[in-house]
Amino acid sequence: MIDFYSIIHQRASIPQAIEELGKAECLSPAEFVEELELVRSRNPYYAKKLIKALSENTQLIDGESCQSARLLADETSGSEAIELSEWVFEQYVEFLPLGTPEPTFSDIIRYTISPSLAIDVQEKPYLLCASGTTGFRTWEAALYLAEFLAQNPAVLGGLTSNSRVLELGAGTGLVSIAWAKLRGTSTTELYVTDGDSTLVEQTARHNFMLNGIDTTDAKYKFQRLWWGEDAVPNVDLILAADVTFDASVIPHLVSCLATALIDQTARFAMIAATVRNEQTTAVFESCCASNGLKTTIIGIKPMDFAPIRIYQIERGI
């Protein structure tokens, strides 16, 4: 059931969630109710759509092959046991008056990065862009980079135990949170930056706290970094995700990377780029080359809409 629960907490499409539930052999009613109640507390509209789909597929939750297909009564209340399908129908009736959320609705989405790491992120999933930034939601490239860091520790083997790390365009802070969870004890400085200072000071910092990370620790630095204008901290590693979608800002991005990798002491950068437009991606690669930087693709994730590449960028020979 872990796959079903992880994908509904990540707000997968309803058909995908139902398909995943169909693979489960047996339900724990108490766990099932607990997990759906958590979804409901965070995103009632998504919960309504999920409950509706479950009410239309009751065979998936009341299978006769499993004794736990019944929702056991609460011993303290003395209530009678009911089928999970009955509980689902009751929930759907309660949901009927619920309308669609406003674009500014805030959800807390749980991203399962690895079997041992899940990250909660408060974001505005229905808001693509506001106040000149796209950082109010987590994009697929950030999730892939976080997963890559968790699953491929060998690519970071050259870093010392006292590493300094900079994330560019942090947005909701998912990548930085993953880094703090995975290698926080061996990190002396983690710069969480974005062109919008309010975004990093409020959204990213809040998400750090949501995941139990002490933001009063001096190693965590939340600050604005406007490419081509603000000073680039001297670090060992640079991380960034979905920062190459606009060809007009790529020269400023690459200038920032060149400062860290050539003028300063950064070892390398890891950039996750969604290839929405091959021409824009080519601009990024050629701009790196013209600034003396070597690009190597170290990871590729196929996606329905556009593949995601992870580039390792180093000082050219």
Protein backbone atom coordinates (compact mmCIF):
# COMPACT_ATOMS: atom_id res chain seq x y z
CA MET A 1 0.00 0.00 0.00
CA ILE A 2 2.96 2.33 0.37
CA ASP A 3 2.85 3.17 -3.34
CA PHE A 4 -0.85 4.09 -3.24
CA TYR A 5 -0.41 6.28 -0.17
CA SER A 6 2.74 7.95 -1.46
CA ILE A 7 1.18 8.89 -4.79
CA ILE A 8 -2.03 10.29 -3.29
CA HIS A 9 0.06 12.39 -0.89
CA GLN A 10 1.90 13.61 -3.97
CA ARG A 11 -1.46 14.38 -5.64
CA ALA A 12 -1.16 11.94 -8.51
CA SER A 13 -4.01 11.86 -11.00
CA ILE A 14 -7.10 10.05 -9.76
CA PRO A 15 -6.94 7.35 -12.49
CA GLN A 16 -3.32 6.68 -11.52
CA ALA A 17 -4.27 6.41 -7.85
CA ILE A 18 -7.10 3.96 -8.60
CA GLU A 19 -4.78 1.89 -10.78
CA GLU A 20 -2.23 1.71 -7.98
CA LEU A 21 -4.87 0.76 -5.43
CA GLY A 22 -5.91 -2.11 -7.69
CA LYS A 23 -2.45 -3.62 -7.24
CA ALA A 24 -2.82 -3.84 -3.46
CA GLU A 25 -3.62 -7.29 -2.10
CA CYS A 26 -4.99 -6.26 1.26
CA LEU A 27 -6.03 -3.11 3.09
CA SER A 28 -5.50 -2.11 6.69
CA PRO A 29 -8.72 -0.18 7.38
CA ALA A 30 -7.25 1.92 10.18
CA GLU A 31 -4.27 2.91 8.05
CA PHE A 32 -6.49 3.54 5.02
CA VAL A 33 -8.75 5.90 6.95
CA GLU A 34 -5.80 7.64 8.61
CA GLU A 35 -4.05 8.31 5.31
CA LEU A 36 -7.20 9.60 3.60
CA GLU A 37 -7.97 11.83 6.58
CA LEU A 38 -4.51 13.36 6.20
CA VAL A 39 -5.21 14.04 2.50
CA ARG A 40 -8.56 15.56 3.46
CA SER A 41 -7.01 17.87 6.05
CA ARG A 42 -4.54 19.20 3.48
CA ASN A 43 -6.51 19.23 0.24
CA PRO A 44 -10.27 18.59 0.63
CA TYR A 45 -10.95 19.04 -3.09
CA TYR A 46 -8.46 16.32 -4.08
CA ALA A 47 -9.88 14.12 -1.32
CA LYS A 48 -13.39 14.64 -2.75
CA LYS A 49 -12.29 13.51 -6.21
CA LEU A 50 -10.48 10.50 -4.74
CA ILE A 51 -13.44 9.51 -2.56
CA LYS A 52 -15.78 9.79 -5.57
CA ALA A 53 -13.54 7.44 -7.56
CA LEU A 54 -13.36 5.02 -4.65
CA SER A 55 -17.16 5.01 -4.36
CA GLU A 56 -17.26 3.92 -8.01
CA ASN A 57 -14.68 1.17 -7.45
CA THR A 58 -15.72 -0.36 -4.13
CA GLN A 59 -14.47 -3.77 -5.20
CA LEU A 60 -10.96 -2.46 -4.59
CA ILE A 61 -11.58 -1.77 -0.92
CA ASP A 62 -14.05 -4.49 0.11
CA GLY A 63 -12.32 -7.54 -1.29
CA GLU A 64 -13.53 -10.79 0.27
CA SER A 65 -10.05 -12.29 0.19
CA CYS A 66 -8.88 -10.08 3.04
CA GLN A 67 -10.25 -10.26 6.57
CA SER A 68 -9.24 -6.67 7.20
CA ALA A 69 -11.63 -5.47 4.50
CA ARG A 70 -13.95 -4.41 7.33
CA LEU A 71 -13.46 -1.13 9.14
CA LEU A 72 -13.29 -2.22 12.76
CA ALA A 73 -15.39 -0.44 15.36
CA ASP A 74 -13.89 1.96 17.85
CA GLU A 75 -13.95 0.01 21.10
CA THR A 76 -14.33 3.16 23.15
CA SER A 77 -17.44 4.30 21.26
CA GLY A 78 -19.18 0.95 21.01
CA SER A 79 -20.09 1.58 17.38
CA GLU A 80 -20.69 -1.32 15.03
CA ALA A 81 -18.15 -2.31 12.43
CA ILE A 82 -18.86 -1.03 8.92
CA GLU A 83 -17.50 -1.82 5.51
CA LEU A 84 -14.88 0.51 4.09
CA SER A 85 -17.19 1.11 1.16
CA GLU A 86 -19.85 2.36 3.54
CA TRP A 87 -17.34 4.72 5.14
CA VAL A 88 -16.40 5.98 1.68
CA PHE A 89 -20.03 6.68 0.77
CA GLU A 90 -20.53 8.59 4.02
CA GLN A 91 -17.47 10.69 3.28
CA TYR A 92 -18.61 11.46 -0.25
CA VAL A 93 -21.97 12.72 1.00
CA GLU A 94 -20.11 15.13 3.28
CA PHE A 95 -17.99 16.31 0.34
CA LEU A 96 -20.89 17.08 -2.02
CA PRO A 97 -21.16 20.81 -1.20
CA LEU A 98 -17.42 21.36 -1.65
CA GLY A 99 -16.48 23.48 -4.67
CA THR A 100 -13.21 23.97 -6.54
CA PRO A 101 -10.42 25.79 -4.68
CA GLU A 102 -9.18 29.28 -5.49
CA PRO A 103 -5.93 29.57 -7.51
CA THR A 104 -4.16 30.81 -4.37
CA PHE A 105 -5.13 27.70 -2.36
CA SER A 106 -2.20 26.30 -0.35
CA ASP A 107 -1.66 22.55 -0.17
CA ILE A 108 0.89 20.53 1.79
CA ILE A 109 2.19 17.87 -0.55
CA ARG A 110 4.33 14.96 0.61
CA TYR A 111 7.03 13.95 -1.87
CA THR A 112 8.50 10.48 -1.39
CA ILE A 113 12.13 10.94 -2.39
CA SER A 114 13.28 7.46 -1.36
CA PRO A 115 11.95 4.66 0.86
CA SER A 116 13.53 6.40 3.86
CA LEU A 117 12.91 10.03 2.94
CA ALA A 118 9.63 11.89 2.47
CA ILE A 119 9.43 15.69 2.37
CA ASP A 120 6.38 17.84 3.07
CA VAL A 121 6.15 21.01 0.99
CA GLN A 122 3.55 23.74 1.33
CA GLU A 123 2.89 25.17 -2.09
CA LYS A 124 0.23 26.64 -4.35
CA PRO A 125 -0.24 23.92 -7.00
CA TYR A 126 -2.97 25.77 -8.89
CA LEU A 127 -0.84 28.89 -9.26
CA LEU A 128 1.63 28.68 -12.15
CA CYS A 129 3.10 32.15 -11.70
CA ALA A 130 2.54 35.12 -9.39
CA SER A 131 4.51 38.21 -8.44
CA GLY A 132 6.94 37.49 -11.27
CA THR A 133 8.02 34.08 -9.96
CA THR A 134 7.16 30.44 -10.67
CA GLY A 135 8.46 29.38 -7.26
CA PHE A 136 5.14 28.83 -5.51
CA ARG A 137 4.96 25.22 -6.67
CA THR A 138 7.39 22.34 -6.95
CA TRP A 139 8.36 21.38 -10.50
CA GLU A 140 9.24 17.89 -11.73
CA ALA A 141 12.90 18.79 -12.30
CA ALA A 142 13.32 19.64 -8.61
CA LEU A 143 11.78 16.33 -7.59
CA TYR A 144 14.04 14.41 -9.98
CA LEU A 145 17.16 16.20 -8.71
CA ALA A 146 16.21 15.42 -5.10
CA GLU A 147 15.64 11.75 -6.03
CA PHE A 148 18.95 11.66 -7.91
CA LEU A 149 20.84 13.02 -4.92
CA ALA A 150 19.24 10.41 -2.65
CA GLN A 151 19.82 7.47 -4.98
CA ASN A 152 23.27 8.31 -6.36
CA PRO A 153 25.50 9.36 -3.44
CA ALA A 154 28.59 8.30 -5.38
CA VAL A 155 28.34 11.38 -7.62
CA LEU A 156 29.08 13.46 -4.54
CA GLY A 157 31.99 11.34 -3.36
CA GLY A 158 34.56 14.04 -4.06
CA LEU A 159 33.05 16.49 -1.59
CA THR A 160 34.58 16.79 1.84
CA SER A 161 32.69 16.39 5.10
CA ASN A 162 32.72 20.19 5.50
CA SER A 163 30.96 21.07 2.26
CA ARG A 164 29.39 24.39 1.34
CA VAL A 165 26.38 24.22 -0.96
CA LEU A 166 24.40 26.79 -2.93
CA GLU A 167 20.98 26.27 -4.49
CA LEU A 168 19.95 28.69 -7.22
CA GLY A 169 16.26 29.34 -7.89
CA ALA A 170 15.23 27.36 -4.81
CA GLY A 171 11.50 28.16 -5.02
CA THR A 172 9.69 25.99 -2.46
CA GLY A 173 13.04 24.67 -1.23
CA LEU A 174 12.53 20.97 -1.99
CA VAL A 175 16.07 20.35 -3.27
CA SER A 176 17.69 22.19 -0.36
CA ILE A 177 15.50 20.33 2.14
CA ALA A 178 16.50 17.03 0.57
CA TRP A 179 20.14 18.03 0.83
CA ALA A 180 19.72 19.05 4.48
CA LYS A 181 18.04 15.72 5.26
CA LEU A 182 20.59 13.65 3.36
CA ARG A 183 23.87 15.44 4.12
CA GLY A 184 23.07 18.19 6.59
CA THR A 185 25.45 16.89 9.23
CA SER A 186 28.38 17.10 6.79
CA THR A 187 27.44 20.55 5.47
CA THR A 188 28.85 23.71 7.00
CA GLU A 189 26.90 26.18 4.85
CA LEU A 190 23.74 25.76 2.78
CA TYR A 191 22.64 28.84 0.83
CA VAL A 192 18.96 28.69 -0.15
CA THR A 193 18.57 31.41 -2.77
CA ASP A 194 16.09 32.75 -5.28
CA GLY A 195 15.57 36.00 -7.16
CA ASP A 196 12.59 36.68 -4.88
CA SER A 197 13.75 37.32 -1.32
CA THR A 198 10.20 36.95 0.06
CA LEU A 199 9.95 33.50 -1.52
CA VAL A 200 13.05 32.18 0.24
CA GLU A 201 12.45 33.96 3.54
CA GLN A 202 8.84 32.88 3.83
CA THR A 203 8.04 29.89 1.60
CA ALA A 204 11.36 28.01 1.63
CA ARG A 205 12.11 28.77 5.28
CA HIS A 206 8.60 27.67 6.28
CA ASN A 207 9.04 24.37 4.41
CA PHE A 208 12.32 23.75 6.21
CA MET A 209 10.50 24.13 9.51
CA LEU A 210 7.62 21.97 8.26
CA ASN A 211 10.17 19.15 7.92
CA GLY A 212 11.63 19.62 11.38
CA ILE A 213 14.78 21.45 10.30
CA ASP A 214 16.02 24.13 12.69
CA THR A 215 16.27 27.27 10.57
CA THR A 216 17.95 29.15 13.42
CA ASP A 217 21.05 27.04 12.76
CA ALA A 218 23.57 29.45 11.26
CA LYS A 219 24.52 26.96 8.53
CA TYR A 220 21.19 27.58 6.78
CA LYS A 221 21.21 30.87 4.91
CA PHE A 222 18.06 32.13 3.18
CA GLN A 223 18.75 35.04 0.87
CA ARG A 224 18.07 36.67 -2.46
CA LEU A 225 20.48 35.99 -5.29
CA TRP A 226 19.65 37.87 -8.47
CA TRP A 227 21.83 36.40 -11.21
CA GLY A 228 24.27 38.91 -12.63
CA GLU A 229 23.61 41.40 -9.86
CA ASP A 230 24.06 39.87 -6.38
CA ALA A 231 27.33 38.40 -5.14
CA VAL A 232 27.78 34.65 -5.52
CA PRO A 233 28.80 32.89 -2.28
CA ASN A 234 32.02 30.90 -2.35
CA VAL A 235 30.89 27.25 -2.16
CA ASP A 236 31.90 23.72 -3.13
CA LEU A 237 28.73 22.63 -4.93
CA ILE A 238 25.89 24.36 -6.78
CA LEU A 239 22.44 22.84 -7.19
CA ALA A 240 19.57 24.11 -9.35
CA ALA A 241 16.39 22.77 -10.95
CA ASP A 242 14.23 24.12 -13.74
CA VAL A 243 16.24 27.31 -14.17
CA THR A 244 16.94 27.01 -17.92
CA PHE A 245 13.44 27.48 -19.35
CA ASP A 246 13.93 31.12 -20.37
CA ALA A 247 16.65 31.75 -22.95
CA SER A 248 16.79 35.46 -22.07
CA VAL A 249 18.12 34.79 -18.55
CA ILE A 250 20.47 31.93 -19.42
CA PRO A 251 23.51 34.22 -19.93
CA HIS A 252 23.04 35.59 -16.39
CA LEU A 253 22.65 32.07 -15.00
CA VAL A 254 25.79 30.84 -16.75
CA SER A 255 27.71 33.92 -15.62
CA CYS A 256 26.78 33.02 -12.07
CA LEU A 257 28.00 29.45 -12.61
CA ALA A 258 31.23 30.65 -14.19
CA THR A 259 31.92 32.93 -11.23
CA ALA A 260 31.56 30.01 -8.82
CA LEU A 261 33.38 27.41 -10.92
CA ILE A 262 36.18 29.47 -12.50
CA ASP A 263 36.72 32.57 -10.38
CA GLN A 264 35.96 30.83 -7.08
CA THR A 265 36.49 27.32 -5.72
CA ALA A 266 33.28 25.42 -6.52
CA ARG A 267 34.00 21.84 -7.62
CA PHE A 268 30.97 21.37 -9.86
CA ALA A 269 27.29 22.19 -10.35
CA MET A 270 24.32 19.87 -10.84
CA ILE A 271 21.50 21.39 -12.88
CA ALA A 272 18.21 19.58 -13.54
CA ALA A 273 16.68 20.88 -16.76
CA THR A 274 13.30 20.01 -18.24
CA VAL A 275 13.77 19.94 -22.01
CA ARG A 276 10.60 21.74 -23.08
CA ASN A 277 12.35 23.31 -26.05
CA GLU A 278 15.49 21.86 -27.62
CA GLN A 279 16.57 25.28 -28.88
CA THR A 280 16.51 26.75 -25.37
CA THR A 281 18.48 23.78 -24.07
CA ALA A 282 21.01 24.27 -26.89
CA VAL A 283 21.39 27.91 -25.86
CA PHE A 284 22.23 26.78 -22.33
CA GLU A 285 24.81 24.25 -23.50
CA SER A 286 26.49 26.66 -25.95
CA CYS A 287 26.51 29.47 -23.40
CA CYS A 288 28.27 27.19 -20.92
CA ALA A 289 30.87 26.25 -23.54
CA SER A 290 31.53 29.87 -24.49
CA ASN A 291 32.13 30.68 -20.82
CA GLY A 292 34.70 27.91 -20.39
CA LEU A 293 32.39 25.39 -18.73
CA LYS A 294 32.09 21.69 -19.55
CA THR A 295 28.62 20.09 -19.48
CA THR A 296 28.00 16.36 -19.01
CA ILE A 297 24.58 14.73 -18.87
CA ILE A 298 24.65 12.35 -15.87
CA GLY A 299 20.94 11.54 -15.60
CA ILE A 300 17.86 11.44 -17.83
CA LYS A 301 14.25 10.92 -16.75
CA PRO A 302 11.73 10.33 -19.56
CA MET A 303 8.44 12.16 -19.00
CA ASP A 304 5.20 12.27 -20.94
CA PHE A 305 5.48 15.99 -21.67
CA ALA A 306 9.26 16.55 -21.76
CA PRO A 307 12.35 14.65 -20.57
CA ILE A 308 14.43 15.93 -17.68
CA ARG A 309 18.22 15.97 -17.84
CA ILE A 310 20.68 16.40 -15.02
CA TYR A 311 23.83 18.21 -16.12
CA GLN A 312 27.08 18.12 -14.23
CA ILE A 313 28.91 21.33 -14.99
CA GLU A 314 32.62 21.82 -14.34
CA ARG A 315 35.41 24.14 -15.29
CA GLY A 316 36.50 23.28 -18.83
CA ILE A 317 39.99 22.02 -19.53
